[in-house]
Amino acid sequence: MTRSRFRVTGRVQGVGFRSWTGRTARALGLAGWVRNLPDGSVELEALGPVERMDALREALWKGPMFARVTGVEEQSVGEQPHSDAPGTRDGQDAPPQDFHIRF
């Protein structure tokens, strides 16, 4: 499992980018969140298997119909142990189980 934070720039606010990202990430079985930033970009963090994260990265460059993506920056947040059980593991929070929009 890998976790990355992305910053997507271009015409990505006011075009349904957050909702589209949530649907796309859920369809890929990823967990995490997405939110608008004050500078007009969109930030998201996602957690999942490497192959599915690769698919998300590729999809972010396309975005929804009315978006115009000019950049996708990625910062690795690190590898995560796989756990299907909710709760904590070694004193750390378990990975999120859903992908949601932050306001």
PDB file of N, CA and C in Angstrom:
ATOM      1  N   MET A   1       0.855  -1.178   0.000  1.00  0.00           N
ATOM      2  CA  MET A   1       0.000   0.000   0.000  1.00  0.00           C
ATOM      3  C   MET A   1       0.896   1.234   0.000  1.00  0.00           C
ATOM      4  N   THR A   2       0.493   2.193  -0.775  1.00  0.00           N
ATOM      5  CA  THR A   2       1.240   3.436  -0.849  1.00  0.00           C
ATOM      6  C   THR A   2       0.291   4.604  -0.636  1.00  0.00           C
ATOM      7  N   ARG A   3       0.825   5.680  -0.102  1.00  0.00           N
ATOM      8  CA  ARG A   3       0.029   6.884   0.163  1.00  0.00           C
ATOM      9  C   ARG A   3       0.742   8.072  -0.474  1.00  0.00           C
ATOM     10  N   SER A   4      -0.028   8.865  -1.230  1.00  0.00           N
ATOM     11  CA  SER A   4       0.532  10.053  -1.880  1.00  0.00           C
ATOM     12  C   SER A   4      -0.406  11.228  -1.722  1.00  0.00           C
ATOM     13  N   ARG A   5       0.185  12.411  -1.703  1.00  0.00           N
ATOM     14  CA  ARG A   5      -0.577  13.658  -1.710  1.00  0.00           C
ATOM     15  C   ARG A   5      -0.350  14.319  -3.070  1.00  0.00           C
ATOM     16  N   PHE A   6      -1.444  14.766  -3.689  1.00  0.00           N
ATOM     17  CA  PHE A   6      -1.388  15.384  -5.010  1.00  0.00           C
ATOM     18  C   PHE A   6      -1.900  16.812  -4.925  1.00  0.00           C
ATOM     19  N   ARG A   7      -1.352  17.665  -5.774  1.00  0.00           N
ATOM     20  CA  ARG A   7      -1.866  19.026  -5.977  1.00  0.00           C
ATOM     21  C   ARG A   7      -2.093  19.169  -7.467  1.00  0.00           C
ATOM     22  N   VAL A   8      -3.356  19.422  -7.835  1.00  0.00           N
ATOM     23  CA  VAL A   8      -3.739  19.506  -9.242  1.00  0.00           C
ATOM     24  C   VAL A   8      -4.040  20.964  -9.556  1.00  0.00           C
ATOM     25  N   THR A   9      -3.406  21.489 -10.613  1.00  0.00           N
ATOM     26  CA  THR A   9      -3.583  22.885 -10.985  1.00  0.00           C
ATOM     27  C   THR A   9      -4.225  22.994 -12.364  1.00  0.00           C
ATOM     28  N   GLY A  10      -4.729  24.184 -12.643  1.00  0.00           N
ATOM     29  CA  GLY A  10      -5.407  24.463 -13.904  1.00  0.00           C
ATOM     30  C   GLY A  10      -6.825  24.922 -13.602  1.00  0.00           C
ATOM     31  N   ARG A  11      -7.735  24.678 -14.524  1.00  0.00           N
ATOM     32  CA  ARG A  11      -9.149  24.982 -14.265  1.00  0.00           C
ATOM     33  C   ARG A  11      -9.747  23.747 -13.597  1.00  0.00           C
ATOM     34  N   VAL A  12      -9.627  23.701 -12.275  1.00  0.00           N
ATOM     35  CA  VAL A  12     -10.031  22.513 -11.525  1.00  0.00           C
ATOM     36  C   VAL A  12     -11.030  22.822 -10.408  1.00  0.00           C
ATOM     37  N   GLN A  13     -11.407  24.082 -10.258  1.00  0.00           N
ATOM     38  CA  GLN A  13     -12.462  24.426  -9.302  1.00  0.00           C
ATOM     39  C   GLN A  13     -13.659  24.936 -10.084  1.00  0.00           C
ATOM     40  N   GLY A  14     -14.851  24.591  -9.591  1.00  0.00           N
ATOM     41  CA  GLY A  14     -16.077  25.010 -10.250  1.00  0.00           C
ATOM     42  C   GLY A  14     -16.440  24.149 -11.448  1.00  0.00           C
ATOM     43  N   VAL A  15     -15.777  23.011 -11.593  1.00  0.00           N
ATOM     44  CA  VAL A  15     -16.041  22.111 -12.722  1.00  0.00           C
ATOM     45  C   VAL A  15     -16.364  20.687 -12.261  1.00  0.00           C
ATOM     46  N   GLY A  16     -16.619  20.506 -10.962  1.00  0.00           N
ATOM     47  CA  GLY A  16     -16.951  19.182 -10.428  1.00  0.00           C
ATOM     48  C   GLY A  16     -15.750  18.289 -10.199  1.00  0.00           C
ATOM     49  N   PHE A  17     -14.563  18.890 -10.070  1.00  0.00           N
ATOM     50  CA  PHE A  17     -13.348  18.089  -9.933  1.00  0.00           C
ATOM     51  C   PHE A  17     -13.339  17.260  -8.650  1.00  0.00           C
ATOM     52  N   ARG A  18     -13.780  17.839  -7.541  1.00  0.00           N
ATOM     53  CA  ARG A  18     -13.760  17.076  -6.278  1.00  0.00           C
ATOM     54  C   ARG A  18     -14.696  15.876  -6.339  1.00  0.00           C
ATOM     55  N   SER A  19     -15.910  16.088  -6.821  1.00  0.00           N
ATOM     56  CA  SER A  19     -16.866  14.973  -6.924  1.00  0.00           C
ATOM     57  C   SER A  19     -16.350  13.897  -7.873  1.00  0.00           C
ATOM     58  N   TRP A  20     -15.818  14.330  -9.007  1.00  0.00           N
ATOM     59  CA  TRP A  20     -15.263  13.393  -9.983  1.00  0.00           C
ATOM     60  C   TRP A  20     -14.114  12.596  -9.366  1.00  0.00           C
ATOM     61  N   THR A  21     -13.245  13.281  -8.625  1.00  0.00           N
ATOM     62  CA  THR A  21     -12.116  12.607  -7.987  1.00  0.00           C
ATOM     63  C   THR A  21     -12.606  11.571  -6.983  1.00  0.00           C
ATOM     64  N   GLY A  22     -13.619  11.935  -6.193  1.00  0.00           N
ATOM     65  CA  GLY A  22     -14.178  10.983  -5.229  1.00  0.00           C
ATOM     66  C   GLY A  22     -14.729   9.743  -5.913  1.00  0.00           C
ATOM     67  N   ARG A  23     -15.503   9.937  -6.976  1.00  0.00           N
ATOM     68  CA  ARG A  23     -16.066   8.788  -7.705  1.00  0.00           C
ATOM     69  C   ARG A  23     -14.959   7.930  -8.319  1.00  0.00           C
ATOM     70  N   THR A  24     -13.965   8.584  -8.904  1.00  0.00           N
ATOM     71  CA  THR A  24     -12.864   7.862  -9.539  1.00  0.00           C
ATOM     72  C   THR A  24     -12.074   7.058  -8.513  1.00  0.00           C
ATOM     73  N   ALA A  25     -11.746   7.684  -7.394  1.00  0.00           N
ATOM     74  CA  ALA A  25     -10.968   7.005  -6.354  1.00  0.00           C
ATOM     75  C   ALA A  25     -11.748   5.842  -5.747  1.00  0.00           C
ATOM     76  N   ARG A  26     -13.040   6.043  -5.496  1.00  0.00           N
ATOM     77  CA  ARG A  26     -13.859   4.952  -4.945  1.00  0.00           C
ATOM     78  C   ARG A  26     -13.938   3.791  -5.928  1.00  0.00           C
ATOM     79  N   ALA A  27     -14.097   4.098  -7.215  1.00  0.00           N
ATOM     80  CA  ALA A  27     -14.160   3.046  -8.232  1.00  0.00           C
ATOM     81  C   ALA A  27     -12.855   2.243  -8.282  1.00  0.00           C
ATOM     82  N   LEU A  28     -11.752   2.894  -7.973  1.00  0.00           N
ATOM     83  CA  LEU A  28     -10.454   2.220  -7.935  1.00  0.00           C
ATOM     84  C   LEU A  28     -10.199   1.526  -6.601  1.00  0.00           C
ATOM     85  N   GLY A  29     -11.093   1.701  -5.638  1.00  0.00           N
ATOM     86  CA  GLY A  29     -10.923   1.082  -4.327  1.00  0.00           C
ATOM     87  C   GLY A  29      -9.908   1.783  -3.455  1.00  0.00           C
ATOM     88  N   LEU A  30      -9.716   3.090  -3.674  1.00  0.00           N
ATOM     89  CA  LEU A  30      -8.750   3.859  -2.890  1.00  0.00           C
ATOM     90  C   LEU A  30      -9.430   4.561  -1.720  1.00  0.00           C
ATOM     91  N   ALA A  31      -8.673   4.850  -0.704  1.00  0.00           N
ATOM     92  CA  ALA A  31      -9.143   5.622   0.443  1.00  0.00           C
ATOM     93  C   ALA A  31      -8.450   6.978   0.418  1.00  0.00           C
ATOM     94  N   GLY A  32      -9.051   7.967   1.082  1.00  0.00           N
ATOM     95  CA  GLY A  32      -8.414   9.264   1.189  1.00  0.00           C
ATOM     96  C   GLY A  32      -9.398  10.410   1.179  1.00  0.00           C
ATOM     97  N   TRP A  33      -8.951  11.563   0.693  1.00  0.00           N
ATOM     98  CA  TRP A  33      -9.781  12.764   0.702  1.00  0.00           C
ATOM     99  C   TRP A  33      -9.346  13.713  -0.408  1.00  0.00           C
ATOM    100  N   VAL A  34     -10.218  14.686  -0.716  1.00  0.00           N
ATOM    101  CA  VAL A  34      -9.944  15.721  -1.708  1.00  0.00           C
ATOM    102  C   VAL A  34     -10.537  17.031  -1.220  1.00  0.00           C
ATOM    103  N   ARG A  35      -9.871  18.160  -1.521  1.00  0.00           N
ATOM    104  CA  ARG A  35     -10.396  19.467  -1.126  1.00  0.00           C
ATOM    105  C   ARG A  35      -9.870  20.552  -2.075  1.00  0.00           C
ATOM    106  N   ASN A  36     -10.617  21.659  -2.142  1.00  0.00           N
ATOM    107  CA  ASN A  36     -10.171  22.841  -2.874  1.00  0.00           C
ATOM    108  C   ASN A  36      -9.196  23.617  -1.998  1.00  0.00           C
ATOM    109  N   LEU A  37      -8.230  24.254  -2.629  1.00  0.00           N
ATOM    110  CA  LEU A  37      -7.308  25.137  -1.926  1.00  0.00           C
ATOM    111  C   LEU A  37      -7.598  26.589  -2.322  1.00  0.00           C
ATOM    112  N   PRO A  38      -7.271  27.538  -1.447  1.00  0.00           N
ATOM    113  CA  PRO A  38      -7.564  28.952  -1.726  1.00  0.00           C
ATOM    114  C   PRO A  38      -6.906  29.490  -3.005  1.00  0.00           C
ATOM    115  N   ASP A  39      -5.816  28.882  -3.450  1.00  0.00           N
ATOM    116  CA  ASP A  39      -5.120  29.373  -4.646  1.00  0.00           C
ATOM    117  C   ASP A  39      -5.750  28.887  -5.950  1.00  0.00           C
ATOM    118  N   GLY A  40      -6.871  28.146  -5.875  1.00  0.00           N
ATOM    119  CA  GLY A  40      -7.555  27.666  -7.070  1.00  0.00           C
ATOM    120  C   GLY A  40      -7.187  26.252  -7.474  1.00  0.00           C
ATOM    121  N   SER A  41      -6.265  25.635  -6.763  1.00  0.00           N
ATOM    122  CA  SER A  41      -5.880  24.255  -7.062  1.00  0.00           C
ATOM    123  C   SER A  41      -6.710  23.292  -6.214  1.00  0.00           C
ATOM    124  N   VAL A  42      -6.540  22.014  -6.470  1.00  0.00           N
ATOM    125  CA  VAL A  42      -7.210  20.957  -5.713  1.00  0.00           C
ATOM    126  C   VAL A  42      -6.126  20.077  -5.109  1.00  0.00           C
ATOM    127  N   GLU A  43      -6.301  19.731  -3.839  1.00  0.00           N
ATOM    128  CA  GLU A  43      -5.366  18.866  -3.133  1.00  0.00           C
ATOM    129  C   GLU A  43      -6.075  17.585  -2.761  1.00  0.00           C
ATOM    130  N   LEU A  44      -5.369  16.463  -2.872  1.00  0.00           N
ATOM    131  CA  LEU A  44      -5.949  15.196  -2.442  1.00  0.00           C
ATOM    132  C   LEU A  44      -4.864  14.301  -1.901  1.00  0.00           C
ATOM    133  N   GLU A  45      -5.287  13.394  -1.051  1.00  0.00           N
ATOM    134  CA  GLU A  45      -4.401  12.364  -0.533  1.00  0.00           C
ATOM    135  C   GLU A  45      -5.103  11.047  -0.768  1.00  0.00           C
ATOM    136  N   ALA A  46      -4.371  10.074  -1.275  1.00  0.00           N
ATOM    137  CA  ALA A  46      -4.957   8.777  -1.587  1.00  0.00           C
ATOM    138  C   ALA A  46      -4.059   7.663  -1.068  1.00  0.00           C
ATOM    139  N   LEU A  47      -4.694   6.552  -0.740  1.00  0.00           N
ATOM    140  CA  LEU A  47      -4.013   5.385  -0.192  1.00  0.00           C
ATOM    141  C   LEU A  47      -4.535   4.149  -0.902  1.00  0.00           C
ATOM    142  N   GLY A  48      -3.610   3.334  -1.387  1.00  0.00           N
ATOM    143  CA  GLY A  48      -4.028   2.095  -2.031  1.00  0.00           C
ATOM    144  C   GLY A  48      -2.864   1.371  -2.670  1.00  0.00           C
ATOM    145  N   PRO A  49      -3.174   0.259  -3.347  1.00  0.00           N
ATOM    146  CA  PRO A  49      -2.132  -0.510  -4.037  1.00  0.00           C
ATOM    147  C   PRO A  49      -1.487   0.316  -5.153  1.00  0.00           C
ATOM    148  N   VAL A  50      -0.235   0.056  -5.426  1.00  0.00           N
ATOM    149  CA  VAL A  50       0.547   0.829  -6.388  1.00  0.00           C
ATOM    150  C   VAL A  50      -0.143   0.903  -7.750  1.00  0.00           C
ATOM    151  N   GLU A  51      -0.672  -0.222  -8.255  1.00  0.00           N
ATOM    152  CA  GLU A  51      -1.290  -0.228  -9.581  1.00  0.00           C
ATOM    153  C   GLU A  51      -2.505   0.700  -9.636  1.00  0.00           C
ATOM    154  N   ARG A  52      -3.281   0.721  -8.572  1.00  0.00           N
ATOM    155  CA  ARG A  52      -4.477   1.580  -8.534  1.00  0.00           C
ATOM    156  C   ARG A  52      -4.087   3.051  -8.372  1.00  0.00           C
ATOM    157  N   MET A  53      -3.018   3.299  -7.642  1.00  0.00           N
ATOM    158  CA  MET A  53      -2.522   4.672  -7.513  1.00  0.00           C
ATOM    159  C   MET A  53      -2.005   5.170  -8.860  1.00  0.00           C
ATOM    160  N   ASP A  54      -1.386   4.291  -9.636  1.00  0.00           N
ATOM    161  CA  ASP A  54      -0.936   4.650 -10.980  1.00  0.00           C
ATOM    162  C   ASP A  54      -2.128   5.048 -11.848  1.00  0.00           C
ATOM    163  N   ALA A  55      -3.227   4.303 -11.739  1.00  0.00           N
ATOM    164  CA  ALA A  55      -4.435   4.610 -12.512  1.00  0.00           C
ATOM    165  C   ALA A  55      -5.025   5.953 -12.087  1.00  0.00           C
ATOM    166  N   LEU A  56      -5.017   6.255 -10.786  1.00  0.00           N
ATOM    167  CA  LEU A  56      -5.510   7.549 -10.313  1.00  0.00           C
ATOM    168  C   LEU A  56      -4.645   8.677 -10.854  1.00  0.00           C
ATOM    169  N   ARG A  57      -3.341   8.518 -10.777  1.00  0.00           N
ATOM    170  CA  ARG A  57      -2.414   9.544 -11.266  1.00  0.00           C
ATOM    171  C   ARG A  57      -2.696   9.862 -12.732  1.00  0.00           C
ATOM    172  N   GLU A  58      -2.882   8.845 -13.540  1.00  0.00           N
ATOM    173  CA  GLU A  58      -3.189   9.036 -14.954  1.00  0.00           C
ATOM    174  C   GLU A  58      -4.537   9.737 -15.136  1.00  0.00           C
ATOM    175  N   ALA A  59      -5.533   9.338 -14.348  1.00  0.00           N
ATOM    176  CA  ALA A  59      -6.867   9.930 -14.446  1.00  0.00           C
ATOM    177  C   ALA A  59      -6.850  11.406 -14.043  1.00  0.00           C
ATOM    178  N   LEU A  60      -6.038  11.771 -13.063  1.00  0.00           N
ATOM    179  CA  LEU A  60      -5.986  13.165 -12.613  1.00  0.00           C
ATOM    180  C   LEU A  60      -5.568  14.108 -13.731  1.00  0.00           C
ATOM    181  N   TRP A  61      -4.740  13.648 -14.633  1.00  0.00           N
ATOM    182  CA  TRP A  61      -4.315  14.486 -15.760  1.00  0.00           C
ATOM    183  C   TRP A  61      -5.467  14.761 -16.714  1.00  0.00           C
ATOM    184  N   LYS A  62      -6.471  13.890 -16.725  1.00  0.00           N
ATOM    185  CA  LYS A  62      -7.631  14.071 -17.609  1.00  0.00           C
ATOM    186  C   LYS A  62      -8.719  14.883 -16.916  1.00  0.00           C
ATOM    187  N   GLY A  63      -9.097  14.479 -15.705  1.00  0.00           N
ATOM    188  CA  GLY A  63     -10.130  15.179 -14.952  1.00  0.00           C
ATOM    189  C   GLY A  63     -11.498  15.058 -15.595  1.00  0.00           C
ATOM    190  N   PRO A  64     -12.501  15.732 -15.024  1.00  0.00           N
ATOM    191  CA  PRO A  64     -13.844  15.713 -15.599  1.00  0.00           C
ATOM    192  C   PRO A  64     -13.914  16.552 -16.873  1.00  0.00           C
ATOM    193  N   MET A  65     -15.031  16.469 -17.549  1.00  0.00           N
ATOM    194  CA  MET A  65     -15.192  17.068 -18.870  1.00  0.00           C
ATOM    195  C   MET A  65     -14.788  18.535 -18.964  1.00  0.00           C
ATOM    196  N   PHE A  66     -15.188  19.368 -18.020  1.00  0.00           N
ATOM    197  CA  PHE A  66     -14.950  20.807 -18.137  1.00  0.00           C
ATOM    198  C   PHE A  66     -13.656  21.282 -17.472  1.00  0.00           C
ATOM    199  N   ALA A  67     -12.908  20.364 -16.907  1.00  0.00           N
ATOM    200  CA  ALA A  67     -11.626  20.730 -16.288  1.00  0.00           C
ATOM    201  C   ALA A  67     -10.551  20.874 -17.357  1.00  0.00           C
ATOM    202  N   ARG A  68      -9.550  21.661 -17.024  1.00  0.00           N
ATOM    203  CA  ARG A  68      -8.360  21.760 -17.866  1.00  0.00           C
ATOM    204  C   ARG A  68      -7.157  21.677 -16.929  1.00  0.00           C
ATOM    205  N   VAL A  69      -6.594  20.504 -16.824  1.00  0.00           N
ATOM    206  CA  VAL A  69      -5.482  20.252 -15.910  1.00  0.00           C
ATOM    207  C   VAL A  69      -4.176  20.695 -16.567  1.00  0.00           C
ATOM    208  N   THR A  70      -3.430  21.531 -15.840  1.00  0.00           N
ATOM    209  CA  THR A  70      -2.131  21.985 -16.351  1.00  0.00           C
ATOM    210  C   THR A  70      -0.967  21.406 -15.554  1.00  0.00           C
ATOM    211  N   GLY A  71      -1.255  20.822 -14.392  1.00  0.00           N
ATOM    212  CA  GLY A  71      -0.181  20.242 -13.594  1.00  0.00           C
ATOM    213  C   GLY A  71      -0.700  19.289 -12.543  1.00  0.00           C
ATOM    214  N   VAL A  72       0.057  18.232 -12.288  1.00  0.00           N
ATOM    215  CA  VAL A  72      -0.221  17.292 -11.204  1.00  0.00           C
ATOM    216  C   VAL A  72       1.093  17.065 -10.476  1.00  0.00           C
ATOM    217  N   GLU A  73       1.174  17.600  -9.261  1.00  0.00           N
ATOM    218  CA  GLU A  73       2.363  17.404  -8.424  1.00  0.00           C
ATOM    219  C   GLU A  73       2.058  16.297  -7.432  1.00  0.00           C
ATOM    220  N   GLU A  74       3.021  15.444  -7.187  1.00  0.00           N
ATOM    221  CA  GLU A  74       2.820  14.333  -6.262  1.00  0.00           C
ATOM    222  C   GLU A  74       3.920  14.311  -5.228  1.00  0.00           C
ATOM    223  N   GLN A  75       3.509  14.086  -3.995  1.00  0.00           N
ATOM    224  CA  GLN A  75       4.462  13.930  -2.895  1.00  0.00           C
ATOM    225  C   GLN A  75       4.126  12.624  -2.191  1.00  0.00           C
ATOM    226  N   SER A  76       5.076  11.733  -2.123  1.00  0.00           N
ATOM    227  CA  SER A  76       4.859  10.464  -1.440  1.00  0.00           C
ATOM    228  C   SER A  76       4.754  10.709   0.057  1.00  0.00           C
ATOM    229  N   VAL A  77       3.744  10.114   0.661  1.00  0.00           N
ATOM    230  CA  VAL A  77       3.579  10.208   2.107  1.00  0.00           C
ATOM    231  C   VAL A  77       4.112   8.926   2.747  1.00  0.00           C
ATOM    232  N   GLY A  78       4.438   7.939   1.921  1.00  0.00           N
ATOM    233  CA  GLY A  78       5.096   6.734   2.412  1.00  0.00           C
ATOM    234  C   GLY A  78       4.291   5.477   2.208  1.00  0.00           C
ATOM    235  N   GLU A  79       4.953   4.374   2.438  1.00  0.00           N
ATOM    236  CA  GLU A  79       4.322   3.064   2.358  1.00  0.00           C
ATOM    237  C   GLU A  79       3.516   2.825   3.622  1.00  0.00           C
ATOM    238  N   GLN A  80       2.400   2.154   3.470  1.00  0.00           N
ATOM    239  CA  GLN A  80       1.536   1.861   4.603  1.00  0.00           C
ATOM    240  C   GLN A  80       1.351   0.356   4.715  1.00  0.00           C
ATOM    241  N   PRO A  81       1.359  -0.179   5.924  1.00  0.00           N
ATOM    242  CA  PRO A  81       1.076  -1.607   6.073  1.00  0.00           C
ATOM    243  C   PRO A  81      -0.379  -1.864   5.715  1.00  0.00           C
ATOM    244  N   HIS A  82      -0.658  -3.012   5.119  1.00  0.00           N
ATOM    245  CA  HIS A  82      -2.034  -3.355   4.752  1.00  0.00           C
ATOM    246  C   HIS A  82      -2.749  -3.928   5.965  1.00  0.00           C
ATOM    247  N   SER A  83      -3.920  -3.365   6.251  1.00  0.00           N
ATOM    248  CA  SER A  83      -4.728  -3.854   7.366  1.00  0.00           C
ATOM    249  C   SER A  83      -6.188  -3.723   7.005  1.00  0.00           C
ATOM    250  N   ASP A  84      -6.922  -4.819   7.099  1.00  0.00           N
ATOM    251  CA  ASP A  84      -8.361  -4.781   6.835  1.00  0.00           C
ATOM    252  C   ASP A  84      -9.147  -4.464   8.099  1.00  0.00           C
ATOM    253  N   ALA A  85      -8.485  -4.516   9.236  1.00  0.00           N
ATOM    254  CA  ALA A  85      -9.182  -4.316  10.501  1.00  0.00           C
ATOM    255  C   ALA A  85      -9.230  -2.844  10.876  1.00  0.00           C
ATOM    256  N   PRO A  86     -10.419  -2.366  11.301  1.00  0.00           N
ATOM    257  CA  PRO A  86     -10.486  -0.987  11.784  1.00  0.00           C
ATOM    258  C   PRO A  86      -9.797  -0.869  13.141  1.00  0.00           C
ATOM    259  N   GLY A  87      -9.541   0.361  13.548  1.00  0.00           N
ATOM    260  CA  GLY A  87      -8.928   0.576  14.849  1.00  0.00           C
ATOM    261  C   GLY A  87      -7.514   1.088  14.709  1.00  0.00           C
ATOM    262  N   THR A  88      -6.668   0.693  15.620  1.00  0.00           N
ATOM    263  CA  THR A  88      -5.293   1.177  15.584  1.00  0.00           C
ATOM    264  C   THR A  88      -4.345   0.012  15.427  1.00  0.00           C
ATOM    265  N   ARG A  89      -3.155   0.345  15.004  1.00  0.00           N
ATOM    266  CA  ARG A  89      -2.112  -0.670  14.819  1.00  0.00           C
ATOM    267  C   ARG A  89      -0.821  -0.059  15.335  1.00  0.00           C
ATOM    268  N   ASP A  90      -0.237  -0.665  16.324  1.00  0.00           N
ATOM    269  CA  ASP A  90       1.016  -0.170  16.902  1.00  0.00           C
ATOM    270  C   ASP A  90       0.912   1.291  17.309  1.00  0.00           C
ATOM    271  N   GLY A  91      -0.245   1.698  17.837  1.00  0.00           N
ATOM    272  CA  GLY A  91      -0.412   3.056  18.306  1.00  0.00           C
ATOM    273  C   GLY A  91      -0.701   4.064  17.219  1.00  0.00           C
ATOM    274  N   GLN A  92      -0.812   3.620  15.968  1.00  0.00           N
ATOM    275  CA  GLN A  92      -1.100   4.526  14.858  1.00  0.00           C
ATOM    276  C   GLN A  92      -2.521   4.292  14.381  1.00  0.00           C
ATOM    277  N   ASP A  93      -3.112   5.339  13.785  1.00  0.00           N
ATOM    278  CA  ASP A  93      -4.443   5.193  13.233  1.00  0.00           C
ATOM    279  C   ASP A  93      -4.404   4.227  12.063  1.00  0.00           C
ATOM    280  N   ALA A  94      -5.456   3.441  11.925  1.00  0.00           N
ATOM    281  CA  ALA A  94      -5.577   2.556  10.773  1.00  0.00           C
ATOM    282  C   ALA A  94      -5.818   3.396   9.529  1.00  0.00           C
ATOM    283  N   PRO A  95      -5.500   2.878   8.351  1.00  0.00           N
ATOM    284  CA  PRO A  95      -5.736   3.643   7.133  1.00  0.00           C
ATOM    285  C   PRO A  95      -7.213   3.957   6.959  1.00  0.00           C
ATOM    286  N   PRO A  96      -7.530   5.074   6.327  1.00  0.00           N
ATOM    287  CA  PRO A  96      -8.932   5.401   6.095  1.00  0.00           C
ATOM    288  C   PRO A  96      -9.581   4.352   5.210  1.00  0.00           C
ATOM    289  N   GLN A  97     -10.881   4.157   5.369  1.00  0.00           N
ATOM    290  CA  GLN A  97     -11.592   3.112   4.643  1.00  0.00           C
ATOM    291  C   GLN A  97     -12.446   3.653   3.514  1.00  0.00           C
ATOM    292  N   ASP A  98     -12.481   4.969   3.294  1.00  0.00           N
ATOM    293  CA  ASP A  98     -13.329   5.559   2.278  1.00  0.00           C
ATOM    294  C   ASP A  98     -12.621   6.760   1.681  1.00  0.00           C
ATOM    295  N   PHE A  99     -13.159   7.263   0.587  1.00  0.00           N
ATOM    296  CA  PHE A  99     -12.627   8.467  -0.030  1.00  0.00           C
ATOM    297  C   PHE A  99     -13.690   9.539   0.099  1.00  0.00           C
ATOM    298  N   HIS A 100     -13.358  10.685   0.678  1.00  0.00           N
ATOM    299  CA  HIS A 100     -14.372  11.701   0.944  1.00  0.00           C
ATOM    300  C   HIS A 100     -13.905  13.103   0.544  1.00  0.00           C
ATOM    301  N   ILE A 101     -14.879  13.996   0.440  1.00  0.00           N
ATOM    302  CA  ILE A 101     -14.618  15.382   0.096  1.00  0.00           C
ATOM    303  C   ILE A 101     -14.479  16.169   1.383  1.00  0.00           C
ATOM    304  N   ARG A 102     -13.438  16.986   1.473  1.00  0.00           N
ATOM    305  CA  ARG A 102     -13.265  17.892   2.607  1.00  0.00           C
ATOM    306  C   ARG A 102     -13.665  19.296   2.153  1.00  0.00           C
ATOM    307  N   PHE A 103     -14.331  19.996   3.025  1.00  0.00           N
ATOM    308  CA  PHE A 103     -14.768  21.363   2.696  1.00  0.00           C
ATOM    309  C   PHE A 103     -13.996  22.369   3.511  1.00  0.00           C
TER     310      PHE A 103
END
